[in-house]
């Protein structure tokens, strides 16, 4: 028998008879209400909007810079243009990940498709690495065979345009990514910010070329390569941490503190948090009074689950397991009193 209740925060009183109440007690419940599902869908929609806006801005920036590259022959600006184009194109794997994340869980993919964002993060890491390699190759080639840069004012203007476009996109992606909990989108924003600094370096190269130093352009190209390598390190670290189910320890502390404050919880046992895309899931064991009834243990598990949902941002599902406190001489102190499943 299954009796699933859908409600945002409070447990309703049960007055439909003993049979209904026992079914409610012994059956895991779902607390994934419209109040939780709708924000999840909205977060994906906001992520998609951020991606397409970024794609439009960076795509236009890259096209304008490419035209200047064709006229000037600047390898520093070429590296910046390629990086901007690559950054714009990362919207494609992220967009696919957000679309997949909206799909419902299946019997094969029981947690849904949220981890597609982690795969998109890997694609972003590889894209950054490829753009760094290309920028290095172009700069080294020009360093070995230097030649003057023409149309220096246009190069300087394109550099300023690149900085403005990338900084705007970076702020937008990072803000939205943090609000919806998407590590991949934040990583993409950091990538765009580095592109902006690289554009400023192109401006310095243009200044050096204007003063007659032909090596200024390839030297700046190598500086851009180094900057890309630095952001590659930071982005790769963040993406691989997410793939390995790393979470901020402060979130774990916050969850433990919230559950310990629940009346009837004697101790907090094993607590696990993991990201599924840009949403969190929790698994937790709490220790309750060994003399508690099944009904009482179940109620404590419900309150612990509610406390978690209120305390941990972007937590959408929790599995709370209640164990009795061991009695003196008890052979099996981990006898399960209640198993409360949510989500």
Foldseek 3Di string as FASTA:
>chain_A
DADEDEDAFDDDDDDPDDVVVVNVLAHFYAHQHCVNLVVLLVLLVLLLVLLVVLLVLLVVLLVLLVVLCVVWVQLLSVLLSLLSNLLNVLSVQQNVLSVQQNDAADPVRNVGRQCSLLVSLVVSLVSLVVSLVVLLVSLVVCLVVFDATPPLVSLLVSLQSLLVSLLVSLVSQLVSCVVLQALSSNLSSLSSNLSNVSSVLSNVLSVCSVVPDRSSRSVSSNVSSVSSVVSSVVSVVSSVCQVVFHDDVVLVVQLLVLLVPQPFFPHWDDKGWHDRNRAIEIETETEGAQPDALSRQSVSQSSSFSSSVVRHPRHSWYKYWYFYQDDVPDPDRRPTSGTHGYD
